[in-house]
Protein backbone atom coordinates (compact mmCIF):
# COMPACT_ATOMS: atom_id res chain seq x y z
CA UNK A 1 -25.75 14.76 -37.24
CA UNK A 2 -27.08 11.77 -34.82
CA UNK A 3 -28.88 10.54 -37.87
CA UNK A 4 -26.09 10.75 -40.19
CA UNK A 5 -24.23 8.07 -38.16
CA UNK A 6 -27.14 5.91 -37.72
CA UNK A 7 -26.69 5.37 -41.52
CA UNK A 8 -23.55 5.20 -42.20
CA UNK A 9 -23.96 2.29 -39.24
CA UNK A 10 -25.94 0.48 -40.79
CA UNK A 11 -24.32 0.22 -44.17
CA UNK A 12 -21.19 -0.11 -43.08
CA UNK A 13 -21.53 -2.64 -40.87
CA UNK A 14 -23.31 -4.54 -43.75
CA UNK A 15 -20.27 -4.39 -46.21
CA UNK A 16 -17.67 -4.94 -43.36
CA UNK A 17 -19.52 -8.63 -43.30
CA UNK A 18 -18.68 -8.69 -46.99
CA UNK A 19 -15.16 -7.12 -46.94
CA UNK A 20 -14.50 -9.24 -44.37
CA UNK A 21 -15.80 -12.88 -46.22
CA UNK A 22 -13.88 -10.99 -49.26
CA UNK A 23 -9.85 -10.93 -46.84
CA UNK A 24 -10.48 -14.16 -46.09
CA UNK A 25 -10.54 -15.92 -49.22
CA UNK A 26 -7.83 -14.08 -50.81
CA UNK A 27 -4.86 -16.39 -50.34
CA UNK A 28 -1.14 -14.74 -48.96
CA UNK A 29 0.20 -14.49 -52.47
CA UNK A 30 -2.08 -11.11 -53.19
CA UNK A 31 -2.03 -10.01 -49.43
CA UNK A 32 1.51 -10.86 -47.67
CA UNK A 33 3.03 -10.14 -44.50
CA UNK A 34 4.35 -6.61 -43.92
CA UNK A 35 7.63 -5.72 -44.66
CA UNK A 36 9.65 -5.94 -41.80
CA UNK A 37 11.04 -2.69 -40.39
CA UNK A 38 13.98 -1.12 -38.41
CA UNK A 39 12.86 -1.53 -34.75
CA UNK A 40 11.37 2.22 -33.62
CA UNK A 41 12.12 3.35 -29.58
CA UNK A 42 10.44 5.15 -27.29
CA UNK A 43 11.43 8.62 -25.70
CA UNK A 44 10.59 10.24 -22.54
CA UNK A 45 11.51 13.44 -24.29
CA UNK A 46 9.85 15.91 -27.31
CA UNK A 47 11.59 16.33 -30.16
CA UNK A 48 15.26 14.33 -30.31
CA UNK A 49 16.76 13.63 -33.43
CA UNK A 50 14.50 10.99 -34.76
CA UNK A 51 15.46 8.37 -37.17
CA UNK A 52 13.66 7.47 -39.75
CA UNK A 53 12.46 3.66 -40.25
CA UNK A 54 12.73 3.79 -43.82
CA UNK A 55 13.43 6.38 -46.39
CA UNK A 56 10.27 6.04 -47.89
CA UNK A 57 8.44 6.78 -44.84
CA UNK A 58 8.51 10.90 -45.98
CA UNK A 59 10.88 11.93 -43.54
CA UNK A 60 12.89 14.46 -45.35
CA UNK A 61 16.32 13.57 -43.57
CA UNK A 62 17.08 11.16 -41.55
CA UNK A 63 17.67 13.82 -38.58
CA UNK A 64 14.05 15.62 -39.48
CA UNK A 65 12.86 16.38 -35.77
CA UNK A 66 10.73 18.50 -33.93
CA UNK A 67 14.17 20.03 -32.58
CA UNK A 68 15.61 20.68 -36.62
CA UNK A 69 12.06 22.22 -37.10
CA UNK A 70 13.01 24.38 -33.48
CA UNK A 71 16.16 25.87 -35.27
CA UNK A 72 15.10 26.48 -38.69
CA UNK A 73 11.47 28.32 -37.58
CA UNK A 74 13.31 30.56 -34.98
CA UNK A 75 15.18 31.90 -37.72
CA UNK A 76 12.44 32.59 -40.23
CA UNK A 77 11.06 34.54 -37.05
CA UNK A 78 13.92 36.32 -36.23
CA UNK A 79 13.38 37.77 -40.36
CA UNK A 80 9.86 38.53 -39.95
CA UNK A 81 9.41 39.90 -36.95
CA UNK A 82 13.23 42.56 -37.72
CA UNK A 83 10.66 43.71 -40.65
CA UNK A 84 7.55 44.20 -37.94
CA UNK A 85 9.59 45.53 -35.23
CA UNK A 86 11.90 46.80 -37.16
CA UNK A 87 15.08 46.32 -35.68
CA UNK A 88 17.27 43.31 -35.99
CA UNK A 89 15.97 40.20 -33.81
CA UNK A 90 18.24 37.26 -33.37
CA UNK A 91 17.07 33.85 -33.55
CA UNK A 92 17.80 32.87 -29.81
CA UNK A 93 15.94 36.04 -28.86
CA UNK A 94 12.30 35.08 -30.53
CA UNK A 95 9.51 34.18 -28.69
CA UNK A 96 8.49 30.32 -29.33
CA UNK A 97 4.46 31.08 -30.03
CA UNK A 98 1.92 28.16 -30.03
CA UNK A 99 -1.72 29.05 -30.78
CA UNK A 100 -4.46 26.24 -29.15
CA UNK A 101 -7.45 26.32 -31.17
CA UNK A 102 -10.82 24.83 -29.52
CA UNK A 103 -13.43 22.06 -30.70
CA UNK A 104 -16.31 22.91 -31.44
CA UNK A 105 -17.37 20.62 -34.53
CA UNK A 106 -17.55 22.10 -37.69
CA UNK A 107 -17.82 25.55 -36.45
CA UNK A 108 -14.27 24.86 -34.87
CA UNK A 109 -13.27 24.05 -38.50
CA UNK A 110 -14.20 27.24 -40.27
CA UNK A 111 -13.25 29.78 -37.21
CA UNK A 112 -9.89 27.88 -37.26
CA UNK A 113 -9.54 28.92 -41.08
CA UNK A 114 -10.90 32.56 -40.35
CA UNK A 115 -8.22 32.92 -37.51
CA UNK A 116 -5.69 32.03 -39.59
CA UNK A 117 -6.41 33.63 -42.53
CA UNK A 118 -5.82 36.79 -40.47
CA UNK A 119 -2.88 35.73 -39.27
CA UNK A 120 -1.52 34.82 -42.70
CA UNK A 121 -2.18 37.89 -43.57
CA UNK A 122 -0.66 39.65 -40.77
CA UNK A 123 2.08 37.70 -41.20
CA UNK A 124 2.25 36.81 -37.63
CA UNK A 125 1.57 33.37 -38.85
CA UNK A 126 5.12 33.22 -39.25
CA UNK A 127 5.99 33.63 -36.01
CA UNK A 128 3.96 30.61 -35.03
CA UNK A 129 6.10 27.39 -34.14
CA UNK A 130 3.27 25.57 -33.00
CA UNK A 131 -0.82 25.22 -34.24
CA UNK A 132 -2.41 22.58 -31.39
CA UNK A 133 -6.31 22.06 -32.00
CA UNK A 134 -8.67 19.49 -30.25
CA UNK A 135 -12.10 17.60 -32.30
CA UNK A 136 -13.46 20.05 -35.06
CA UNK A 137 -9.58 22.27 -35.29
CA UNK A 138 -8.16 19.08 -36.44
CA UNK A 139 -10.13 19.09 -39.30
CA UNK A 140 -9.35 21.98 -40.41
CA UNK A 141 -5.73 21.72 -39.62
CA UNK A 142 -6.07 19.00 -41.93
CA UNK A 143 -7.14 21.02 -44.89
CA UNK A 144 -4.06 23.05 -44.43
CA UNK A 145 -1.36 20.11 -44.41
CA UNK A 146 -2.78 17.66 -46.15
CA UNK A 147 -0.83 16.74 -49.04
CA UNK A 148 -2.54 18.50 -52.52
CA UNK A 149 -0.73 17.30 -55.41
CA UNK A 150 -0.53 14.50 -57.75
CA UNK A 151 2.39 12.77 -56.26
CA UNK A 152 3.39 12.30 -52.49
CA UNK A 153 4.75 10.03 -50.62
CA UNK A 154 2.87 6.37 -49.87
CA UNK A 155 3.64 4.86 -46.40
CA UNK A 156 2.95 1.06 -46.25
CA UNK A 157 0.05 1.42 -48.32
CA UNK A 158 -3.30 -0.74 -48.41
CA UNK A 159 -2.47 -3.82 -49.62
CA UNK A 160 1.32 -3.93 -47.17
CA UNK A 161 3.33 -5.11 -50.05
CA UNK A 162 6.88 -4.98 -51.27
CA UNK A 163 7.85 -2.02 -53.38
CA UNK A 164 7.10 -3.96 -56.35
CA UNK A 165 3.27 -5.51 -56.57
CA UNK A 166 0.19 -5.15 -58.44
CA UNK A 167 -2.87 -5.70 -56.52
CA UNK A 168 -5.95 -6.21 -57.74
CA UNK A 169 -9.03 -4.38 -55.63
CA UNK A 170 -11.59 -5.68 -58.14
CA UNK A 171 -12.14 -8.76 -56.08
CA UNK A 172 -12.72 -6.34 -53.38
CA UNK A 173 -14.41 -3.70 -54.57
CA UNK A 174 -17.34 -6.29 -56.78
CA UNK A 175 -18.49 -7.06 -53.02
CA UNK A 176 -18.64 -3.68 -52.07
CA UNK A 177 -19.36 -0.98 -55.01
CA UNK A 178 -20.88 -0.37 -58.16
CA UNK A 179 -18.15 1.61 -59.19
CA UNK A 180 -15.94 0.86 -62.15
CA UNK A 181 -13.60 -2.07 -62.61
CA UNK A 182 -9.93 -1.59 -61.37
CA UNK A 183 -6.46 -2.97 -60.94
CA UNK A 184 -4.16 -0.11 -58.97
CA UNK A 185 -0.60 -0.11 -59.69
CA UNK A 186 0.91 0.42 -55.69
CA UNK A 187 4.60 1.54 -55.11
CA UNK A 188 6.84 3.62 -52.96
CA UNK A 189 7.15 7.21 -53.90
CA UNK A 190 9.34 9.22 -51.79
CA UNK A 191 8.85 12.95 -53.11
CA UNK A 192 6.34 15.52 -50.82
CA UNK A 193 4.73 18.70 -51.26
CA UNK A 194 4.53 21.50 -49.62
CA UNK A 195 1.18 22.50 -47.29
CA UNK A 196 -2.29 23.79 -48.55
CA UNK A 197 -3.01 27.66 -48.86
CA UNK A 198 -5.53 28.92 -46.36
CA UNK A 199 -7.38 30.17 -49.66
CA UNK A 200 -7.21 26.67 -51.17
CA UNK A 201 -8.15 25.21 -47.44
CA UNK A 202 -11.02 27.35 -47.56
CA UNK A 203 -12.57 27.19 -50.78
CA UNK A 204 -12.27 22.93 -49.61
CA UNK A 205 -13.93 23.05 -46.91
CA UNK A 206 -17.14 25.87 -48.47
CA UNK A 207 -17.02 22.13 -51.23
CA UNK A 208 -16.71 19.77 -47.90
CA UNK A 209 -19.42 21.13 -46.39
CA UNK A 210 -22.11 21.65 -49.33
CA UNK A 211 -22.15 18.65 -50.85
CA UNK A 212 -23.41 15.38 -49.85
CA UNK A 213 -22.13 13.17 -47.51
CA UNK A 214 -22.89 9.51 -49.14
CA UNK A 215 -21.98 11.12 -52.59
CA UNK A 216 -18.69 10.56 -53.93
CA UNK A 217 -16.90 10.02 -56.72
CA UNK A 218 -14.50 6.84 -57.45
CA UNK A 219 -11.19 7.66 -56.05
CA UNK A 220 -12.38 9.04 -52.68
CA UNK A 221 -14.20 5.42 -52.16
CA UNK A 222 -11.76 3.31 -53.01
CA UNK A 223 -9.43 5.60 -50.65
CA UNK A 224 -11.71 4.99 -47.98
CA UNK A 225 -12.04 1.29 -48.63
CA UNK A 226 -8.49 0.49 -48.70
CA UNK A 227 -8.79 2.78 -45.49
CA UNK A 228 -11.46 0.80 -43.85
CA UNK A 229 -9.80 -2.79 -44.90
CA UNK A 230 -6.68 -1.33 -43.11
CA UNK A 231 -8.29 -0.93 -40.36
CA UNK A 232 -10.25 -4.49 -40.27
CA UNK A 233 -6.68 -6.46 -41.23
CA UNK A 234 -4.52 -4.33 -37.98
CA UNK A 235 -7.39 -4.60 -35.97
CA UNK A 236 -8.36 -8.05 -36.27
CA UNK A 237 -11.87 -7.11 -38.16
CA UNK A 238 -13.15 -5.16 -35.23
CA UNK A 239 -13.96 -1.54 -35.75
CA UNK A 240 -16.38 0.58 -34.28
CA UNK A 241 -18.63 3.88 -34.64
CA UNK A 242 -15.23 6.16 -34.56
CA UNK A 243 -13.54 3.84 -37.56
CA UNK A 244 -16.61 4.70 -39.69
CA UNK A 245 -16.72 8.24 -38.45
CA UNK A 246 -13.00 8.93 -39.90
CA UNK A 247 -13.24 6.64 -42.75
CA UNK A 248 -16.12 9.03 -44.21
CA UNK A 249 -13.86 12.26 -42.51
CA UNK A 250 -11.57 10.62 -45.24
CA UNK A 251 -13.80 11.29 -47.75
CA UNK A 252 -15.16 14.89 -47.01
CA UNK A 253 -12.26 16.09 -45.87
CA UNK A 254 -8.94 14.95 -46.82
CA UNK A 255 -7.84 15.00 -50.59
CA UNK A 256 -7.80 11.68 -51.98
CA UNK A 257 -5.53 11.23 -55.34
CA UNK A 258 -3.47 9.31 -57.12
CA UNK A 259 0.38 9.83 -58.02
CA UNK A 260 1.15 10.00 -61.70
CA UNK A 261 2.22 5.83 -61.67
CA UNK A 262 -1.83 5.00 -60.56
CA UNK A 263 -1.56 4.69 -57.03
CA UNK A 264 -3.71 5.06 -54.26
CA UNK A 265 -2.48 7.36 -51.22
CA UNK A 266 -3.67 6.54 -48.12
CA UNK A 267 -2.65 9.89 -46.16
CA UNK A 268 -1.12 9.30 -42.92
CA UNK A 269 0.39 11.98 -40.57
CA UNK A 270 4.00 11.20 -41.28
CA UNK A 271 2.79 12.22 -44.43
CA UNK A 272 3.17 16.36 -42.82
CA UNK A 273 6.30 16.06 -42.34
CA UNK A 274 7.44 17.96 -45.97
CA UNK A 275 9.39 19.63 -47.23
CA UNK A 276 8.10 23.01 -45.85
CA UNK A 277 7.61 21.82 -42.53
CA UNK A 278 10.48 20.21 -41.62
CA UNK A 279 12.36 23.37 -43.04
CA UNK A 280 11.02 26.23 -40.67
CA UNK A 281 8.59 27.19 -43.42
CA UNK A 282 5.23 26.94 -41.78
CA UNK A 283 3.91 25.91 -38.13
CA UNK A 284 4.15 22.00 -36.51
CA UNK A 285 0.76 21.25 -36.19
CA UNK A 286 -0.19 19.25 -33.01
CA UNK A 287 -3.54 17.18 -33.27
CA UNK A 288 -5.02 16.38 -29.67
CA UNK A 289 -6.85 13.04 -28.27
CA UNK A 290 -6.61 12.01 -24.36
CA UNK A 291 -6.52 8.42 -22.91
CA UNK A 292 -8.32 7.19 -20.04
CA UNK A 293 -6.17 7.41 -16.89
CA UNK A 294 -6.83 3.75 -15.43
CA UNK A 295 -6.60 3.98 -11.64
CA UNK A 296 -8.41 7.20 -11.15
CA UNK A 297 -10.85 6.09 -12.59
CA UNK A 298 -12.02 3.37 -8.95
CA UNK A 299 -15.12 5.31 -7.46
CA UNK A 300 -13.46 6.84 -4.52
CA UNK A 301 -10.96 9.06 -7.09
CA UNK A 302 -13.37 10.03 -9.71
CA UNK A 303 -14.62 13.12 -7.70
CA UNK A 304 -11.29 13.67 -6.12
CA UNK A 305 -9.55 16.72 -8.31
CA UNK A 306 -6.19 15.77 -6.94
CA UNK A 307 -6.69 13.41 -9.74
CA UNK A 308 -6.65 13.99 -13.14
CA UNK A 309 -8.56 11.50 -15.37
CA UNK A 310 -6.93 11.72 -18.18
CA UNK A 311 -3.34 11.64 -20.33
CA UNK A 312 -3.02 14.02 -23.12
CA UNK A 313 -2.12 12.11 -26.68
CA UNK A 314 -0.52 14.02 -28.94
CA UNK A 315 0.25 13.75 -32.95
CA UNK A 316 2.57 15.43 -35.26
CA UNK A 317 4.49 15.05 -38.61
CA UNK A 318 7.94 13.95 -36.29
CA UNK A 319 5.74 11.87 -33.48
CA UNK A 320 3.02 10.51 -30.93
CA UNK A 321 3.77 11.84 -27.59
CA UNK A 322 2.07 10.30 -24.31
CA UNK A 323 1.83 12.84 -21.75
CA UNK A 324 0.71 11.67 -18.26
CA UNK A 325 -2.21 12.46 -15.93
CA UNK A 326 -1.20 14.10 -12.84
CA UNK A 327 -1.76 11.55 -9.48
CA UNK A 328 -0.72 13.73 -5.73
CA UNK A 329 1.19 10.32 -5.25
CA UNK A 330 4.40 10.59 -8.52
CA UNK A 331 6.95 12.40 -6.31
CA UNK A 332 9.09 15.50 -8.32
CA UNK A 333 6.30 15.20 -10.95
CA UNK A 334 7.81 18.56 -12.56
CA UNK A 335 11.06 16.76 -13.56
CA UNK A 336 11.26 18.24 -17.39
CA UNK A 337 13.78 15.02 -17.84
CA UNK A 338 10.07 12.87 -17.98
CA UNK A 339 7.67 14.33 -20.05
CA UNK A 340 5.73 11.59 -21.14
CA UNK A 341 5.37 8.27 -23.95
CA UNK A 342 7.46 9.48 -26.89
CA UNK A 343 7.72 7.38 -30.67
CA UNK A 344 7.85 7.88 -34.02
CA UNK A 345 5.12 8.86 -35.50
CA UNK A 346 5.37 6.45 -38.00
CA UNK A 347 5.34 4.14 -35.93
CA UNK A 348 2.03 4.55 -34.11
CA UNK A 349 0.43 1.48 -35.01
CA UNK A 350 2.92 -0.96 -34.25
CA UNK A 351 2.95 -2.92 -30.85
CA UNK A 352 6.05 -1.81 -28.49
CA UNK A 353 7.22 -4.51 -25.77
CA UNK A 354 9.74 -2.05 -22.75
CA UNK A 355 10.19 0.53 -25.64
CA UNK A 356 10.62 -1.46 -28.62
CA UNK A 357 9.06 -1.95 -31.28
CA UNK A 358 8.17 -5.75 -32.14
CA UNK A 359 5.59 -5.69 -34.83
CA UNK A 360 5.73 -3.95 -38.54
CA UNK A 361 1.63 -3.27 -38.88
CA UNK A 362 1.70 0.85 -41.07
CA UNK A 363 0.92 3.93 -39.59
CA UNK A 364 -2.88 4.47 -38.01
CA UNK A 365 -4.21 6.00 -40.96
CA UNK A 366 -4.80 9.77 -41.21
CA UNK A 367 -8.18 9.57 -41.93
CA UNK A 368 -9.07 6.64 -38.59
CA UNK A 369 -7.65 9.61 -36.33
CA UNK A 370 -9.67 11.91 -37.14
CA UNK A 371 -12.86 10.30 -36.63
CA UNK A 372 -11.08 9.45 -33.00
CA UNK A 373 -9.87 13.93 -32.36
CA UNK A 374 -13.37 14.09 -33.31
CA UNK A 375 -15.37 11.66 -31.30
CA UNK A 376 -17.03 13.65 -29.24
CA UNK A 377 -20.15 10.87 -28.92
CA UNK A 378 -17.67 8.23 -27.02
CA UNK A 379 -18.58 10.48 -24.35
CA UNK A 380 -18.99 9.41 -20.69
CA UNK A 381 -22.27 9.49 -18.88
CA UNK A 382 -20.90 12.33 -16.64
CA UNK A 383 -20.08 14.77 -20.17
CA UNK A 384 -23.35 13.46 -21.52
CA UNK A 385 -25.60 14.53 -18.53
CA UNK A 386 -23.93 18.28 -19.06
CA UNK A 387 -24.60 18.31 -23.04
CA UNK A 388 -28.60 16.91 -22.19
CA UNK A 389 -28.41 19.19 -18.57
CA UNK A 390 -30.58 21.86 -20.47
CA UNK A 391 -33.44 19.92 -21.96
CA UNK A 392 -33.88 17.73 -18.92
CA UNK A 393 -36.14 18.94 -15.80
CA UNK A 394 -34.15 19.56 -12.76
CA UNK A 395 -35.66 16.96 -10.30
CA UNK A 396 -34.95 14.02 -13.69
CA UNK A 397 -31.34 14.56 -13.70
CA UNK A 398 -30.52 15.20 -10.29
CA UNK A 399 -32.69 11.19 -9.81
CA UNK A 400 -30.15 9.92 -13.14
CA UNK A 401 -27.02 11.33 -11.22
CA UNK A 402 -27.75 9.14 -8.45
CA UNK A 403 -28.62 6.20 -9.74
CA UNK A 404 -26.18 6.43 -12.13
CA UNK A 405 -23.06 8.41 -9.23
CA UNK A 406 -20.93 5.21 -9.63
CA UNK A 407 -20.91 5.04 -13.50
CA UNK A 408 -20.37 8.68 -15.08
CA UNK A 409 -17.02 8.77 -15.88
CA UNK A 410 -15.76 5.44 -16.21
CA UNK A 411 -19.09 4.05 -18.85
CA UNK A 412 -18.87 4.69 -22.27
CA UNK A 413 -22.34 4.00 -24.14
CA UNK A 414 -20.29 4.38 -27.29
CA UNK A 415 -16.73 2.39 -27.68
CA UNK A 416 -13.66 4.70 -27.95
CA UNK A 417 -10.89 3.68 -30.44
CA UNK A 418 -7.68 1.84 -29.19
CA UNK A 419 -4.57 1.26 -30.77
CA UNK A 420 -1.47 -1.08 -29.05
CA UNK A 421 0.37 0.93 -25.91
CA UNK A 422 3.86 2.27 -26.71
CA UNK A 423 4.29 1.60 -23.25
CA UNK A 424 3.95 -1.65 -22.36
CA UNK A 425 5.74 -2.79 -20.92
CA UNK A 426 8.32 -0.50 -19.70
CA UNK A 427 10.60 -0.71 -16.95
CA UNK A 428 11.96 2.13 -15.03
CA UNK A 429 10.24 4.80 -15.87
CA UNK A 430 11.03 8.20 -13.72
CA UNK A 431 8.87 8.01 -10.74
CA UNK A 432 6.63 4.82 -11.54
CA UNK A 433 5.21 7.32 -14.27
CA UNK A 434 0.79 7.42 -14.14
CA UNK A 435 1.27 6.41 -17.91
CA UNK A 436 -0.14 2.37 -17.80
CA UNK A 437 2.41 0.10 -18.75
CA UNK A 438 0.73 -3.37 -17.70
CA UNK A 439 -2.01 -2.83 -20.63
CA UNK A 440 -1.13 -4.19 -24.59
CA UNK A 441 -3.26 -1.23 -25.50
CA UNK A 442 -4.62 2.55 -25.32
CA UNK A 443 -7.97 4.21 -25.63
CA UNK A 444 -8.18 7.44 -27.52
CA UNK A 445 -10.82 10.07 -27.99
CA UNK A 446 -12.00 13.58 -28.40
CA UNK A 447 -9.82 15.50 -26.33
CA UNK A 448 -12.91 17.75 -25.38
CA UNK A 449 -13.14 14.82 -22.61
CA UNK A 450 -10.90 16.88 -20.22
CA UNK A 451 -10.62 20.30 -21.90
CA UNK A 452 -11.99 21.37 -25.59
CA UNK A 453 -8.78 23.93 -25.48
CA UNK A 454 -5.06 22.23 -25.98
CA UNK A 455 -3.05 23.72 -23.50
CA UNK A 456 -1.51 20.19 -22.39
CA UNK A 457 1.12 20.22 -25.39
CA UNK A 458 1.78 23.28 -24.99
CA UNK A 459 2.70 23.30 -21.68
CA UNK A 460 5.37 20.29 -22.43
CA UNK A 461 8.00 22.22 -20.33
CA UNK A 462 10.93 21.00 -22.92
CA UNK A 463 9.11 23.00 -25.98
CA UNK A 464 9.66 26.62 -23.68
CA UNK A 465 6.32 28.24 -25.31
CA UNK A 466 6.38 31.70 -24.02
CA UNK A 467 3.18 33.09 -25.63
CA UNK A 468 0.07 30.64 -26.40
CA UNK A 469 -3.30 32.73 -27.73
CA UNK A 470 -6.29 30.83 -27.49
CA UNK A 471 -9.07 30.61 -30.15
CA UNK A 472 -12.67 29.52 -28.63
CA UNK A 473 -14.94 28.32 -30.86
CA UNK A 474 -16.77 26.58 -28.24
CA UNK A 475 -20.70 26.64 -28.33
CA UNK A 476 -20.65 28.30 -24.02
CA UNK A 477 -17.69 30.82 -24.14
CA UNK A 478 -17.93 32.31 -20.61
CA UNK A 479 -19.81 29.55 -19.39
CA UNK A 480 -17.75 26.31 -19.82
CA UNK A 481 -15.10 25.42 -17.57
CA UNK A 482 -11.85 24.77 -19.82
CA UNK A 483 -10.04 27.95 -18.88
CA UNK A 484 -10.39 27.00 -15.43
CA UNK A 485 -8.79 23.04 -16.24
CA UNK A 486 -6.53 24.72 -17.90
CA UNK A 487 -5.00 27.06 -14.50
CA UNK A 488 -5.40 23.93 -12.27
CA UNK A 489 -3.41 21.52 -15.01
CA UNK A 490 -0.89 24.32 -15.20
CA UNK A 491 -0.24 24.69 -11.54
CA UNK A 492 -0.24 21.30 -10.68
CA UNK A 493 2.83 21.47 -12.95
CA UNK A 494 4.62 24.16 -11.62
CA UNK A 495 3.39 27.07 -13.72
CA UNK A 496 1.51 29.83 -13.03
CA UNK A 497 -0.28 31.06 -15.73
CA UNK A 498 -1.26 34.54 -14.73
CA UNK A 499 -4.80 34.88 -15.63
CA UNK A 500 -7.16 37.35 -13.72
CA UNK A 501 -10.27 35.59 -14.25
CA UNK A 502 -11.70 32.18 -15.58
CA UNK A 503 -14.70 32.34 -17.20
CA UNK A 504 -13.27 35.14 -20.35
CA UNK A 505 -16.23 36.47 -21.71
CA UNK A 506 -14.28 38.65 -24.41
CA UNK A 507 -11.25 38.88 -25.49
CA UNK A 508 -7.44 39.46 -23.19
CA UNK A 509 -4.40 40.16 -23.66
CA UNK A 510 -1.73 40.09 -21.14
CA UNK A 511 0.09 43.11 -20.84
CA UNK A 512 3.59 41.18 -20.76
CA UNK A 513 4.49 43.29 -17.47
CA UNK A 514 5.34 40.11 -15.56
CA UNK A 515 8.89 38.90 -15.42
CA UNK A 516 8.03 35.17 -16.61
CA UNK A 517 5.39 33.40 -18.89
CA UNK A 518 3.57 31.90 -20.22
CA UNK A 519 1.76 34.36 -21.17
CA UNK A 520 -1.66 33.53 -22.65
CA UNK A 521 -3.91 35.42 -25.32
CA UNK A 522 -7.76 34.78 -24.57
CA UNK A 523 -10.03 35.42 -28.45
CA UNK A 524 -13.63 33.79 -27.86
CA UNK A 525 -15.28 33.44 -31.16
CA UNK A 526 -18.50 35.76 -30.14
CA UNK A 527 -21.11 36.62 -32.66
CA UNK A 528 -24.34 36.78 -34.84
CA UNK A 529 -22.00 34.28 -36.97
CA UNK A 530 -21.08 32.15 -34.23
CA UNK A 531 -25.24 32.14 -32.43
CA UNK A 532 -26.33 30.99 -35.51
CA UNK A 533 -28.54 27.98 -35.68
CA UNK A 534 -25.86 26.64 -38.73
CA UNK A 535 -22.72 27.06 -36.51
CA UNK A 536 -23.99 24.17 -34.84
CA UNK A 537 -20.79 21.69 -34.25
CA UNK A 538 -22.73 18.29 -35.32
CA UNK A 539 -24.14 20.10 -38.56
CA UNK A 540 -22.40 18.85 -41.39
CA UNK A 541 -24.25 21.17 -44.10
CA UNK A 542 -23.41 24.46 -44.50
CA UNK A 543 -23.33 27.12 -47.91
CA UNK A 544 -20.52 28.62 -48.50
CA UNK A 545 -22.38 32.09 -47.77
CA UNK A 546 -22.49 30.52 -44.10
CA UNK A 547 -19.15 29.38 -44.33
CA UNK A 548 -17.76 32.61 -45.27
CA UNK A 549 -19.78 34.87 -42.39
CA UNK A 550 -18.28 31.94 -39.42
CA UNK A 551 -14.80 33.04 -41.31
CA UNK A 552 -15.16 36.75 -41.42
CA UNK A 553 -16.05 36.90 -37.82
CA UNK A 554 -12.60 34.63 -37.17
CA UNK A 555 -10.71 36.76 -39.10
CA UNK A 556 -12.31 40.91 -37.32
CA UNK A 557 -11.35 39.11 -33.86
CA UNK A 558 -7.94 38.06 -34.91
CA UNK A 559 -6.98 41.14 -36.69
CA UNK A 560 -8.55 43.40 -33.66
CA UNK A 561 -6.45 41.55 -31.40
CA UNK A 562 -3.37 41.68 -33.53
CA UNK A 563 -1.15 45.12 -32.68
CA UNK A 564 -2.52 44.12 -28.92
CA UNK A 565 -0.53 40.57 -29.85
CA UNK A 566 2.47 41.97 -31.50
CA UNK A 567 3.24 44.61 -28.96
CA UNK A 568 3.05 41.26 -26.32
CA UNK A 569 5.83 39.98 -28.28
CA UNK A 570 8.04 42.63 -28.62
CA UNK A 571 7.93 42.84 -25.28
CA UNK A 572 8.57 38.91 -24.89
CA UNK A 573 11.72 39.31 -27.26
CA UNK A 574 13.14 42.34 -25.17
CA UNK A 575 13.16 40.03 -22.20
CA UNK A 576 14.61 37.29 -23.37
CA UNK A 577 17.63 39.74 -25.61
CA UNK A 578 18.39 41.01 -21.80
CA UNK A 579 18.43 37.65 -20.49
CA UNK A 580 20.12 35.50 -22.83
CA UNK A 581 22.75 38.18 -23.27
């Protein structure tokens, strides 16, 4: 992994210099200003109706939102549960189920597809409302939710232009690649496609992990180049290793294509608001990152467990949300009228002030964000030493910790990515939230910096998740602190997960006899394939048989748990039916 990244950095920085020169030579007629967009606004809870800035931005209707998705998803789930239970289930009584897929690099990516495949075969997938992912598992969701037809929606493609313009990419590509000269027409298309079948996603994963990461066909290279140029322009020609990693992931894990008219397509998360998702025919994907909680990084707080070091950030096809970190000084923290800062996801990348957008930049590309979601290499010194602890003599490790004591949590040898802060300048936040309103930018990084299991978005109270199914593909099952951290996170928000232990080494499925959820199902990826040398998180070269081995292991683990999961869902349904009636 390190060798790959060093090679990427060396080659890419050379090319970036030439791209920058090319861009500076081009006039504003070729690259005009970003077209005006209606203002986007901040909400304090997720799921409110989200008016699309423009109809061309892939929202299926102006009222498309998480709330409308949930209502339609409940109807779908009720029909499936009625068949599985052999009893009539009303939509109002359907348990809200979320799946939390852990990080773990390419091992997590392949295992996640295995877990999903088993859920699909048993039809339990049709009952699940949310699939939350961290790090490598976000790459699996990307394989499923990417548009896979030749016709898809374009959002402010690169370069940003009016509805009918022509851009000659040859002026740029001639300085960076030897590919065939092409003139690309870029227009706006308003159709969308359904999600990719899991079998197709598995095939794409096998192909992505078995090829040379530096040998791509012409089209992926041009889309990656367009992604790189867009990031350069928006970020004032400043890119880092995370951006370069995301550009590489664009080629490897995202389907790149052209429409029937020959337009380049830069993937965006809002593209995933397909009719399939909007109509509740698939779970809503939640991609996770974290942002450092500035005040908590002071020397007096880094070792105080009462203070949380990170805010959780989430991306869905509808919204970007920033969930505040806990601070003891913030009163009434569990007030559900304020759960964070939320904006339309297609406005993420625009500047905001006091709750209203003030600029017209395009939505940050999905490839760039995939780099952020998997940017474990931007860890602080504390996490890096944790990873190296088994290879360093105890005395040496103790000396390093002493010398670096004041910098363990605050120093990141490799810089994470930054983006405009949607909370900048907000006034009147309830109880003076911990979210920083004074910074123009926020830093986002791999959620594994805080917890490799994405409990946070599934514990947002307004979502009302009843059952959380944890699919843990972490490397150190039974030894990692992620379950304990989740339990502490929940308790600080007035939520009791009722976990019998915090160091699970095998599957756990609660009986559901407690009066109140959420109930946590824990399914660890344990088996020979999970421990194989090829299944290391940072290994990006697998054979098809190796991919299949991890996928089959995950499927077997899920299938063994399905009868007990269905029994739990039945108990939750029976309790909700009584409570609501």
